[in-house]
Amino acid sequence: NDQIIHAYLNGDHEVYSLFEKISDLQLVHFKEMIPSTIMERVTKYKLKLCGAGGGGFFLGLARPNQISEIQKYIDIQLI
């Protein structure tokens, strides 16, 4: 987490590969917490599970050239 925060704050493109590593790690260790209805999207788009206690959400990080493709499949909020 520290590495991805540092990369993000410094505008380092490594942020994308670090985010993918976190998503992959969660697929291994927290698979039971990811609803089957979103599993395909988590796998394809490398989403991160956030929150706890049943009130969570999925966070995605996309390269600018990927946004229009992702918007076709997922209802997203751009920030």
PDB file of N, CA and C in Angstrom:
ATOM      1  N   ASN A   1       0.814  -1.190   0.000  1.00  0.00           N
ATOM      2  CA  ASN A   1       0.000   0.000   0.000  1.00  0.00           C
ATOM      3  C   ASN A   1       0.858   1.254   0.000  1.00  0.00           C
ATOM      4  N   ASP A   2       1.939   1.227   0.789  1.00  0.00           N
ATOM      5  CA  ASP A   2       2.829   2.394   0.836  1.00  0.00           C
ATOM      6  C   ASP A   2       3.441   2.672  -0.542  1.00  0.00           C
ATOM      7  N   GLN A   3       3.817   1.613  -1.247  1.00  0.00           N
ATOM      8  CA  GLN A   3       4.424   1.782  -2.569  1.00  0.00           C
ATOM      9  C   GLN A   3       3.448   2.407  -3.557  1.00  0.00           C
ATOM     10  N   ILE A   4       2.212   1.958  -3.541  1.00  0.00           N
ATOM     11  CA  ILE A   4       1.238   2.489  -4.502  1.00  0.00           C
ATOM     12  C   ILE A   4       0.882   3.936  -4.171  1.00  0.00           C
ATOM     13  N   ILE A   5       0.798   4.271  -2.894  1.00  0.00           N
ATOM     14  CA  ILE A   5       0.523   5.655  -2.502  1.00  0.00           C
ATOM     15  C   ILE A   5       1.672   6.558  -2.953  1.00  0.00           C
ATOM     16  N   HIS A   6       2.887   6.121  -2.721  1.00  0.00           N
ATOM     17  CA  HIS A   6       4.058   6.894  -3.129  1.00  0.00           C
ATOM     18  C   HIS A   6       4.079   7.073  -4.656  1.00  0.00           C
ATOM     19  N   ALA A   7       3.826   5.998  -5.390  1.00  0.00           N
ATOM     20  CA  ALA A   7       3.824   6.068  -6.855  1.00  0.00           C
ATOM     21  C   ALA A   7       2.735   7.016  -7.356  1.00  0.00           C
ATOM     22  N   TYR A   8       1.560   6.944  -6.758  1.00  0.00           N
ATOM     23  CA  TYR A   8       0.450   7.811  -7.163  1.00  0.00           C
ATOM     24  C   TYR A   8       0.775   9.284  -6.915  1.00  0.00           C
ATOM     25  N   LEU A   9       1.285   9.581  -5.738  1.00  0.00           N
ATOM     26  CA  LEU A   9       1.597  10.965  -5.385  1.00  0.00           C
ATOM     27  C   LEU A   9       2.715  11.547  -6.245  1.00  0.00           C
ATOM     28  N   ASN A  10       3.575  10.681  -6.762  1.00  0.00           N
ATOM     29  CA  ASN A  10       4.692  11.141  -7.576  1.00  0.00           C
ATOM     30  C   ASN A  10       4.432  11.005  -9.078  1.00  0.00           C
ATOM     31  N   GLY A  11       3.217  10.620  -9.454  1.00  0.00           N
ATOM     32  CA  GLY A  11       2.881  10.515 -10.871  1.00  0.00           C
ATOM     33  C   GLY A  11       3.630   9.403 -11.584  1.00  0.00           C
ATOM     34  N   ASP A  12       4.044   8.400 -10.837  1.00  0.00           N
ATOM     35  CA  ASP A  12       4.807   7.285 -11.388  1.00  0.00           C
ATOM     36  C   ASP A  12       3.854   6.288 -12.053  1.00  0.00           C
ATOM     37  N   HIS A  13       4.166   5.876 -13.273  1.00  0.00           N
ATOM     38  CA  HIS A  13       3.308   4.927 -13.988  1.00  0.00           C
ATOM     39  C   HIS A  13       3.331   3.531 -13.379  1.00  0.00           C
ATOM     40  N   GLU A  14       4.223   3.286 -12.438  1.00  0.00           N
ATOM     41  CA  GLU A  14       4.265   2.017 -11.726  1.00  0.00           C
ATOM     42  C   GLU A  14       2.975   1.800 -10.919  1.00  0.00           C
ATOM     43  N   VAL A  15       2.240   2.866 -10.688  1.00  0.00           N
ATOM     44  CA  VAL A  15       1.004   2.784  -9.914  1.00  0.00           C
ATOM     45  C   VAL A  15       0.052   1.743 -10.515  1.00  0.00           C
ATOM     46  N   TYR A  16       0.018   1.598 -11.828  1.00  0.00           N
ATOM     47  CA  TYR A  16      -0.890   0.648 -12.475  1.00  0.00           C
ATOM     48  C   TYR A  16      -0.497  -0.800 -12.191  1.00  0.00           C
ATOM     49  N   SER A  17       0.780  -1.103 -12.290  1.00  0.00           N
ATOM     50  CA  SER A  17       1.203  -2.483 -12.015  1.00  0.00           C
ATOM     51  C   SER A  17       1.071  -2.821 -10.533  1.00  0.00           C
ATOM     52  N   LEU A  18       1.314  -1.856  -9.668  1.00  0.00           N
ATOM     53  CA  LEU A  18       1.141  -2.087  -8.233  1.00  0.00           C
ATOM     54  C   LEU A  18      -0.333  -2.333  -7.899  1.00  0.00           C
ATOM     55  N   PHE A  19      -1.226  -1.570  -8.532  1.00  0.00           N
ATOM     56  CA  PHE A  19      -2.651  -1.746  -8.299  1.00  0.00           C
ATOM     57  C   PHE A  19      -3.092  -3.144  -8.748  1.00  0.00           C
ATOM     58  N   GLU A  20      -2.569  -3.604  -9.885  1.00  0.00           N
ATOM     59  CA  GLU A  20      -2.890  -4.947 -10.368  1.00  0.00           C
ATOM     60  C   GLU A  20      -2.413  -6.013  -9.389  1.00  0.00           C
ATOM     61  N   LYS A  21      -1.242  -5.813  -8.792  1.00  0.00           N
ATOM     62  CA  LYS A  21      -0.726  -6.771  -7.804  1.00  0.00           C
ATOM     63  C   LYS A  21      -1.636  -6.848  -6.588  1.00  0.00           C
ATOM     64  N   ILE A  22      -2.130  -5.711  -6.134  1.00  0.00           N
ATOM     65  CA  ILE A  22      -3.042  -5.698  -4.983  1.00  0.00           C
ATOM     66  C   ILE A  22      -4.329  -6.437  -5.335  1.00  0.00           C
ATOM     67  N   SER A  23      -4.870  -6.179  -6.529  1.00  0.00           N
ATOM     68  CA  SER A  23      -6.095  -6.853  -6.961  1.00  0.00           C
ATOM     69  C   SER A  23      -5.882  -8.363  -7.029  1.00  0.00           C
ATOM     70  N   ASP A  24      -4.773  -8.793  -7.614  1.00  0.00           N
ATOM     71  CA  ASP A  24      -4.476 -10.223  -7.716  1.00  0.00           C
ATOM     72  C   ASP A  24      -4.319 -10.859  -6.341  1.00  0.00           C
ATOM     73  N   LEU A  25      -3.675 -10.150  -5.427  1.00  0.00           N
ATOM     74  CA  LEU A  25      -3.503 -10.647  -4.061  1.00  0.00           C
ATOM     75  C   LEU A  25      -4.860 -10.845  -3.387  1.00  0.00           C
ATOM     76  N   GLN A  26      -5.771  -9.912  -3.600  1.00  0.00           N
ATOM     77  CA  GLN A  26      -7.098 -10.032  -2.997  1.00  0.00           C
ATOM     78  C   GLN A  26      -7.884 -11.196  -3.599  1.00  0.00           C
ATOM     79  N   LEU A  27      -7.676 -11.464  -4.877  1.00  0.00           N
ATOM     80  CA  LEU A  27      -8.353 -12.608  -5.500  1.00  0.00           C
ATOM     81  C   LEU A  27      -7.913 -13.919  -4.858  1.00  0.00           C
ATOM     82  N   VAL A  28      -6.694 -13.978  -4.401  1.00  0.00           N
ATOM     83  CA  VAL A  28      -6.180 -15.185  -3.757  1.00  0.00           C
ATOM     84  C   VAL A  28      -6.647 -15.275  -2.305  1.00  0.00           C
ATOM     85  N   HIS A  29      -6.535 -14.182  -1.567  1.00  0.00           N
ATOM     86  CA  HIS A  29      -6.755 -14.233  -0.121  1.00  0.00           C
ATOM     87  C   HIS A  29      -8.156 -13.817   0.345  1.00  0.00           C
ATOM     88  N   PHE A  30      -8.905 -13.110  -0.482  1.00  0.00           N
ATOM     89  CA  PHE A  30     -10.230 -12.639  -0.078  1.00  0.00           C
ATOM     90  C   PHE A  30     -11.320 -13.028  -1.071  1.00  0.00           C
ATOM     91  N   LYS A  31     -11.092 -14.078  -1.819  1.00  0.00           N
ATOM     92  CA  LYS A  31     -12.026 -14.491  -2.870  1.00  0.00           C
ATOM     93  C   LYS A  31     -13.447 -14.675  -2.336  1.00  0.00           C
ATOM     94  N   GLU A  32     -13.573 -15.205  -1.141  1.00  0.00           N
ATOM     95  CA  GLU A  32     -14.904 -15.451  -0.564  1.00  0.00           C
ATOM     96  C   GLU A  32     -15.657 -14.153  -0.264  1.00  0.00           C
ATOM     97  N   MET A  33     -14.964 -13.027  -0.244  1.00  0.00           N
ATOM     98  CA  MET A  33     -15.604 -11.747   0.037  1.00  0.00           C
ATOM     99  C   MET A  33     -16.038 -11.018  -1.236  1.00  0.00           C
ATOM    100  N   ILE A  34     -15.703 -11.588  -2.393  1.00  0.00           N
ATOM    101  CA  ILE A  34     -16.044 -10.966  -3.670  1.00  0.00           C
ATOM    102  C   ILE A  34     -17.279 -11.661  -4.232  1.00  0.00           C
ATOM    103  N   PRO A  35     -18.385 -10.937  -4.401  1.00  0.00           N
ATOM    104  CA  PRO A  35     -19.608 -11.554  -4.910  1.00  0.00           C
ATOM    105  C   PRO A  35     -19.397 -12.164  -6.303  1.00  0.00           C
ATOM    106  N   SER A  36     -20.010 -13.307  -6.534  1.00  0.00           N
ATOM    107  CA  SER A  36     -19.858 -13.980  -7.824  1.00  0.00           C
ATOM    108  C   SER A  36     -20.345 -13.112  -8.973  1.00  0.00           C
ATOM    109  N   THR A  37     -21.295 -12.211  -8.702  1.00  0.00           N
ATOM    110  CA  THR A  37     -21.837 -11.350  -9.749  1.00  0.00           C
ATOM    111  C   THR A  37     -20.825 -10.329 -10.269  1.00  0.00           C
ATOM    112  N   ILE A  38     -19.762 -10.107  -9.532  1.00  0.00           N
ATOM    113  CA  ILE A  38     -18.755  -9.130  -9.957  1.00  0.00           C
ATOM    114  C   ILE A  38     -17.382  -9.765 -10.174  1.00  0.00           C
ATOM    115  N   MET A  39     -17.263 -11.047  -9.894  1.00  0.00           N
ATOM    116  CA  MET A  39     -15.968 -11.729  -9.985  1.00  0.00           C
ATOM    117  C   MET A  39     -15.312 -11.568 -11.358  1.00  0.00           C
ATOM    118  N   GLU A  40     -16.067 -11.707 -12.437  1.00  0.00           N
ATOM    119  CA  GLU A  40     -15.494 -11.583 -13.784  1.00  0.00           C
ATOM    120  C   GLU A  40     -14.916 -10.184 -13.996  1.00  0.00           C
ATOM    121  N   ARG A  41     -15.628  -9.177 -13.511  1.00  0.00           N
ATOM    122  CA  ARG A  41     -15.147  -7.798 -13.666  1.00  0.00           C
ATOM    123  C   ARG A  41     -13.908  -7.533 -12.818  1.00  0.00           C
ATOM    124  N   VAL A  42     -13.880  -8.076 -11.617  1.00  0.00           N
ATOM    125  CA  VAL A  42     -12.712  -7.909 -10.751  1.00  0.00           C
ATOM    126  C   VAL A  42     -11.488  -8.537 -11.412  1.00  0.00           C
ATOM    127  N   THR A  43     -11.681  -9.701 -12.014  1.00  0.00           N
ATOM    128  CA  THR A  43     -10.584 -10.400 -12.680  1.00  0.00           C
ATOM    129  C   THR A  43     -10.119  -9.647 -13.929  1.00  0.00           C
ATOM    130  N   LYS A  44     -11.057  -9.192 -14.735  1.00  0.00           N
ATOM    131  CA  LYS A  44     -10.718  -8.536 -16.004  1.00  0.00           C
ATOM    132  C   LYS A  44     -10.159  -7.133 -15.802  1.00  0.00           C
ATOM    133  N   TYR A  45     -10.772  -6.351 -14.923  1.00  0.00           N
ATOM    134  CA  TYR A  45     -10.405  -4.946 -14.783  1.00  0.00           C
ATOM    135  C   TYR A  45      -9.553  -4.642 -13.566  1.00  0.00           C
ATOM    136  N   LYS A  46      -9.187  -5.652 -12.781  1.00  0.00           N
ATOM    137  CA  LYS A  46      -8.308  -5.468 -11.627  1.00  0.00           C
ATOM    138  C   LYS A  46      -8.865  -4.446 -10.647  1.00  0.00           C
ATOM    139  N   LEU A  47     -10.026  -4.762 -10.087  1.00  0.00           N
ATOM    140  CA  LEU A  47     -10.655  -3.896  -9.099  1.00  0.00           C
ATOM    141  C   LEU A  47     -10.157  -4.257  -7.706  1.00  0.00           C
ATOM    142  N   LYS A  48     -10.150  -3.282  -6.810  1.00  0.00           N
ATOM    143  CA  LYS A  48      -9.714  -3.501  -5.442  1.00  0.00           C
ATOM    144  C   LYS A  48     -10.905  -3.448  -4.507  1.00  0.00           C
ATOM    145  N   LEU A  49     -11.019  -4.452  -3.671  1.00  0.00           N
ATOM    146  CA  LEU A  49     -12.057  -4.513  -2.652  1.00  0.00           C
ATOM    147  C   LEU A  49     -11.690  -3.548  -1.528  1.00  0.00           C
ATOM    148  N   CYS A  50     -12.619  -2.667  -1.167  1.00  0.00           N
ATOM    149  CA  CYS A  50     -12.386  -1.670  -0.117  1.00  0.00           C
ATOM    150  C   CYS A  50     -13.519  -1.722   0.907  1.00  0.00           C
ATOM    151  N   GLY A  51     -13.240  -1.292   2.110  1.00  0.00           N
ATOM    152  CA  GLY A  51     -14.262  -1.240   3.151  1.00  0.00           C
ATOM    153  C   GLY A  51     -14.329  -2.548   3.920  1.00  0.00           C
ATOM    154  N   ALA A  52     -15.158  -2.540   4.940  1.00  0.00           N
ATOM    155  CA  ALA A  52     -15.295  -3.729   5.788  1.00  0.00           C
ATOM    156  C   ALA A  52     -16.687  -3.760   6.398  1.00  0.00           C
ATOM    157  N   GLY A  53     -17.057  -4.912   6.913  1.00  0.00           N
ATOM    158  CA  GLY A  53     -18.317  -5.043   7.628  1.00  0.00           C
ATOM    159  C   GLY A  53     -19.554  -5.000   6.753  1.00  0.00           C
ATOM    160  N   GLY A  54     -19.422  -5.374   5.497  1.00  0.00           N
ATOM    161  CA  GLY A  54     -20.583  -5.440   4.623  1.00  0.00           C
ATOM    162  C   GLY A  54     -20.921  -4.142   3.919  1.00  0.00           C
ATOM    163  N   GLY A  55     -20.158  -3.083   4.144  1.00  0.00           N
ATOM    164  CA  GLY A  55     -20.443  -1.800   3.512  1.00  0.00           C
ATOM    165  C   GLY A  55     -19.373  -1.401   2.516  1.00  0.00           C
ATOM    166  N   GLY A  56     -18.772  -2.370   1.884  1.00  0.00           N
ATOM    167  CA  GLY A  56     -17.635  -2.103   1.020  1.00  0.00           C
ATOM    168  C   GLY A  56     -18.001  -1.684  -0.386  1.00  0.00           C
ATOM    169  N   PHE A  57     -16.965  -1.476  -1.179  1.00  0.00           N
ATOM    170  CA  PHE A  57     -17.113  -1.104  -2.584  1.00  0.00           C
ATOM    171  C   PHE A  57     -15.869  -1.567  -3.321  1.00  0.00           C
ATOM    172  N   PHE A  58     -15.900  -1.488  -4.638  1.00  0.00           N
ATOM    173  CA  PHE A  58     -14.754  -1.845  -5.461  1.00  0.00           C
ATOM    174  C   PHE A  58     -14.184  -0.593  -6.095  1.00  0.00           C
ATOM    175  N   LEU A  59     -12.878  -0.455  -5.995  1.00  0.00           N
ATOM    176  CA  LEU A  59     -12.165   0.692  -6.537  1.00  0.00           C
ATOM    177  C   LEU A  59     -11.383   0.238  -7.764  1.00  0.00           C
ATOM    178  N   GLY A  60     -11.493   1.002  -8.827  1.00  0.00           N
ATOM    179  CA  GLY A  60     -10.752   0.688 -10.035  1.00  0.00           C
ATOM    180  C   GLY A  60      -9.813   1.820 -10.400  1.00  0.00           C
ATOM    181  N   LEU A  61      -8.705   1.464 -11.003  1.00  0.00           N
ATOM    182  CA  LEU A  61      -7.741   2.441 -11.482  1.00  0.00           C
ATOM    183  C   LEU A  61      -7.461   2.099 -12.938  1.00  0.00           C
ATOM    184  N   ALA A  62      -7.761   3.037 -13.824  1.00  0.00           N
ATOM    185  CA  ALA A  62      -7.607   2.772 -15.258  1.00  0.00           C
ATOM    186  C   ALA A  62      -6.696   3.798 -15.901  1.00  0.00           C
ATOM    187  N   ARG A  63      -5.979   3.339 -16.883  1.00  0.00           N
ATOM    188  CA  ARG A  63      -5.203   4.265 -17.706  1.00  0.00           C
ATOM    189  C   ARG A  63      -6.202   5.098 -18.516  1.00  0.00           C
ATOM    190  N   PRO A  64      -5.876   6.338 -18.820  1.00  0.00           N
ATOM    191  CA  PRO A  64      -6.820   7.200 -19.542  1.00  0.00           C
ATOM    192  C   PRO A  64      -7.377   6.585 -20.828  1.00  0.00           C
ATOM    193  N   ASN A  65      -6.572   5.821 -21.549  1.00  0.00           N
ATOM    194  CA  ASN A  65      -7.055   5.226 -22.802  1.00  0.00           C
ATOM    195  C   ASN A  65      -7.974   4.030 -22.590  1.00  0.00           C
ATOM    196  N   GLN A  66      -8.171   3.568 -21.367  1.00  0.00           N
ATOM    197  CA  GLN A  66      -9.041   2.433 -21.070  1.00  0.00           C
ATOM    198  C   GLN A  66     -10.438   2.848 -20.615  1.00  0.00           C
ATOM    199  N   ILE A  67     -10.627   4.091 -20.271  1.00  0.00           N
ATOM    200  CA  ILE A  67     -11.863   4.527 -19.627  1.00  0.00           C
ATOM    201  C   ILE A  67     -13.097   4.301 -20.495  1.00  0.00           C
ATOM    202  N   SER A  68     -13.052   4.662 -21.760  1.00  0.00           N
ATOM    203  CA  SER A  68     -14.237   4.513 -22.606  1.00  0.00           C
ATOM    204  C   SER A  68     -14.624   3.052 -22.763  1.00  0.00           C
ATOM    205  N   GLU A  69     -13.655   2.138 -22.828  1.00  0.00           N
ATOM    206  CA  GLU A  69     -13.970   0.711 -22.928  1.00  0.00           C
ATOM    207  C   GLU A  69     -14.634   0.212 -21.648  1.00  0.00           C
ATOM    208  N   ILE A  70     -14.084   0.604 -20.522  1.00  0.00           N
ATOM    209  CA  ILE A  70     -14.610   0.151 -19.234  1.00  0.00           C
ATOM    210  C   ILE A  70     -16.021   0.680 -18.994  1.00  0.00           C
ATOM    211  N   GLN A  71     -16.296   1.906 -19.404  1.00  0.00           N
ATOM    212  CA  GLN A  71     -17.621   2.494 -19.198  1.00  0.00           C
ATOM    213  C   GLN A  71     -18.720   1.716 -19.924  1.00  0.00           C
ATOM    214  N   LYS A  72     -18.385   0.967 -20.938  1.00  0.00           N
ATOM    215  CA  LYS A  72     -19.378   0.161 -21.652  1.00  0.00           C
ATOM    216  C   LYS A  72     -19.901  -0.978 -20.781  1.00  0.00           C
ATOM    217  N   TYR A  73     -19.081  -1.445 -19.857  1.00  0.00           N
ATOM    218  CA  TYR A  73     -19.409  -2.637 -19.082  1.00  0.00           C
ATOM    219  C   TYR A  73     -19.709  -2.380 -17.616  1.00  0.00           C
ATOM    220  N   ILE A  74     -19.236  -1.287 -17.104  1.00  0.00           N
ATOM    221  CA  ILE A  74     -19.377  -1.014 -15.671  1.00  0.00           C
ATOM    222  C   ILE A  74     -19.902   0.395 -15.467  1.00  0.00           C
ATOM    223  N   ASP A  75     -20.861   0.541 -14.566  1.00  0.00           N
ATOM    224  CA  ASP A  75     -21.342   1.864 -14.188  1.00  0.00           C
ATOM    225  C   ASP A  75     -20.307   2.443 -13.225  1.00  0.00           C
ATOM    226  N   ILE A  76     -19.536   3.426 -13.706  1.00  0.00           N
ATOM    227  CA  ILE A  76     -18.446   3.963 -12.906  1.00  0.00           C
ATOM    228  C   ILE A  76     -18.620   5.454 -12.655  1.00  0.00           C
ATOM    229  N   GLN A  77     -17.952   5.913 -11.627  1.00  0.00           N
ATOM    230  CA  GLN A  77     -17.865   7.333 -11.326  1.00  0.00           C
ATOM    231  C   GLN A  77     -16.425   7.741 -11.516  1.00  0.00           C
ATOM    232  N   LEU A  78     -16.199   8.744 -12.336  1.00  0.00           N
ATOM    233  CA  LEU A  78     -14.850   9.236 -12.563  1.00  0.00           C
ATOM    234  C   LEU A  78     -14.539  10.322 -11.548  1.00  0.00           C
ATOM    235  N   ILE A  79     -13.363  10.209 -10.911  1.00  0.00           N
ATOM    236  CA  ILE A  79     -12.948  11.237  -9.960  1.00  0.00           C
ATOM    237  C   ILE A  79     -11.566  11.733 -10.308  1.00  0.00           C
TER     238      ILE A  79
END
